[in-house]
Amino acid sequence: MRPELRQSIETELKNAERARLGQNEGMARVCARRAGGLAAQDFLMRQGLQIRKGSAYDALKLLISFPGLAPELHAAAEHLTTKVSEQFTLPADIDLIADARTLIGGLG
C-alpha cells in the first residue's frame, strides 16, 4: 500500500475514533467506511479491477462479491455497507471501526 494512502486511511481511523469519543457515532461510521473503502479500492485496483463510480461504498460492495475473500474480510465489508435503521443505529454487535481495521489489515 502506498504511504500516502496508508496516511489517508490512518487519518480516517483517527477521525472515527475522535468522533466516537465525542459521541458522534454517525461521523464515526462515515470515517470508518471511508477508511475501509480506501483499502478496498486499493486492493481491487491491485487485482486489476476498476470501480465504476470510484466511491468507497462502491468498492466495499464490489469487494463483498470478490471470489476467495476470507470470511472475516467478507463479514467486515458487509458490516461496512450495512444501512442504519430509522433511528440511525446499527445492530449492537457491529463495530464499524473494528471492522474497518480488520479489513485494512487483511487487505494490506
Protein backbone atom coordinates (compact mmCIF):
# COMPACT_ATOMS: atom_id res chain seq x y z
CA MET A 1 0.00 0.00 0.00
CA ARG A 2 1.33 3.43 -0.93
CA PRO A 3 2.47 5.56 2.04
CA GLU A 4 0.12 8.44 1.19
CA LEU A 5 -2.83 6.04 1.02
CA ARG A 6 -1.82 4.48 4.34
CA GLN A 7 -1.71 8.00 5.84
CA SER A 8 -5.19 8.82 4.49
CA ILE A 9 -6.58 5.60 5.95
CA GLU A 10 -4.95 6.26 9.34
CA THR A 11 -6.36 9.80 9.34
CA GLU A 12 -9.86 8.47 8.69
CA LEU A 13 -9.49 5.92 11.50
CA LYS A 14 -8.27 8.61 13.91
CA ASN A 15 -11.19 10.81 12.91
CA ALA A 16 -13.55 7.89 13.51
CA GLU A 17 -12.13 7.30 16.99
CA ARG A 18 -12.29 11.02 17.80
CA ALA A 19 -15.91 11.19 16.63
CA ARG A 20 -16.83 8.18 18.76
CA LEU A 21 -15.18 9.72 21.81
CA GLY A 22 -17.21 12.86 21.13
CA GLN A 23 -20.37 10.71 20.99
CA ASN A 24 -20.87 11.42 17.30
CA GLU A 25 -21.41 7.85 16.14
CA GLY A 26 -22.74 8.97 12.77
CA MET A 27 -19.45 10.65 11.90
CA ALA A 28 -17.54 7.67 13.32
CA ARG A 29 -19.43 5.42 10.89
CA VAL A 30 -18.71 7.72 7.94
CA CYS A 31 -14.98 7.85 8.69
CA ALA A 32 -14.74 4.09 9.29
CA ARG A 33 -16.49 3.41 6.00
CA ARG A 34 -14.19 5.78 4.15
CA ALA A 35 -11.12 4.10 5.68
CA GLY A 36 -12.36 0.63 4.75
CA GLY A 37 -13.39 1.82 1.33
CA LEU A 38 -9.96 3.28 0.60
CA ALA A 39 -8.37 -0.06 1.46
CA ALA A 40 -10.94 -1.87 -0.69
CA GLN A 41 -10.28 0.44 -3.65
CA ASP A 42 -6.54 -0.15 -3.36
CA PHE A 43 -6.96 -3.92 -3.10
CA LEU A 44 -9.31 -4.09 -6.07
CA MET A 45 -7.01 -1.96 -8.22
CA ARG A 46 -4.10 -4.26 -7.34
CA GLN A 47 -6.29 -7.13 -8.56
CA GLY A 48 -6.81 -5.33 -11.87
CA LEU A 49 -10.42 -4.32 -11.23
CA GLN A 50 -11.78 -0.84 -11.83
CA ILE A 51 -14.53 0.60 -9.64
CA ARG A 52 -17.06 2.19 -11.95
CA LYS A 53 -18.16 5.07 -9.73
CA GLY A 54 -14.99 5.21 -7.69
CA SER A 55 -16.65 5.70 -4.31
CA ALA A 56 -15.54 3.94 -1.14
CA TYR A 57 -19.02 2.44 -0.78
CA ASP A 58 -18.94 1.04 -4.32
CA ALA A 59 -15.54 -0.51 -3.65
CA LEU A 60 -16.86 -2.17 -0.49
CA LYS A 61 -19.89 -3.53 -2.37
CA LEU A 62 -17.64 -4.92 -5.10
CA LEU A 63 -15.34 -6.43 -2.51
CA ILE A 64 -18.24 -8.38 -0.98
CA SER A 65 -18.57 -10.36 -4.22
CA PHE A 66 -14.82 -10.83 -4.69
CA PRO A 67 -14.07 -14.56 -5.01
CA GLY A 68 -11.86 -16.16 -2.38
CA LEU A 69 -12.17 -13.34 0.14
CA ALA A 70 -11.53 -14.61 3.68
CA PRO A 71 -14.76 -14.94 5.71
CA GLU A 72 -13.75 -12.31 8.28
CA LEU A 73 -12.98 -9.82 5.50
CA HIS A 74 -16.26 -10.61 3.77
CA ALA A 75 -18.13 -10.02 7.05
CA ALA A 76 -16.27 -6.76 7.68
CA ALA A 77 -17.12 -5.48 4.19
CA GLU A 78 -20.76 -6.45 4.67
CA HIS A 79 -20.90 -4.63 8.02
CA LEU A 80 -19.34 -1.53 6.48
CA THR A 81 -22.14 -1.43 3.89
CA THR A 82 -24.97 -2.13 6.33
CA LYS A 83 -27.56 0.61 6.33
CA VAL A 84 -28.55 2.22 9.61
CA SER A 85 -32.07 1.87 10.99
CA GLU A 86 -34.61 4.69 11.01
CA GLN A 87 -33.19 5.54 14.45
CA PHE A 88 -29.72 5.86 12.84
CA THR A 89 -28.35 2.82 14.63
CA LEU A 90 -26.71 -0.45 13.66
CA PRO A 91 -27.12 -3.80 15.41
CA ALA A 92 -25.24 -3.75 18.74
CA ASP A 93 -22.75 -6.41 17.62
CA ILE A 94 -21.44 -4.29 14.72
CA ASP A 95 -18.46 -2.02 15.35
CA LEU A 96 -17.53 -0.34 12.09
CA ILE A 97 -14.21 0.97 13.36
CA ALA A 98 -13.15 -2.55 14.33
CA ASP A 99 -14.47 -3.87 11.02
CA ALA A 100 -12.51 -1.24 9.10
CA ARG A 101 -9.34 -2.21 10.98
CA THR A 102 -9.96 -5.90 10.21
CA LEU A 103 -10.48 -5.15 6.53
CA ILE A 104 -7.47 -2.86 6.26
CA GLY A 105 -5.20 -5.36 8.00
CA GLY A 106 -6.43 -8.24 5.86
CA LEU A 107 -6.23 -6.46 2.53
CA GLY A 108 -2.86 -4.86 3.35
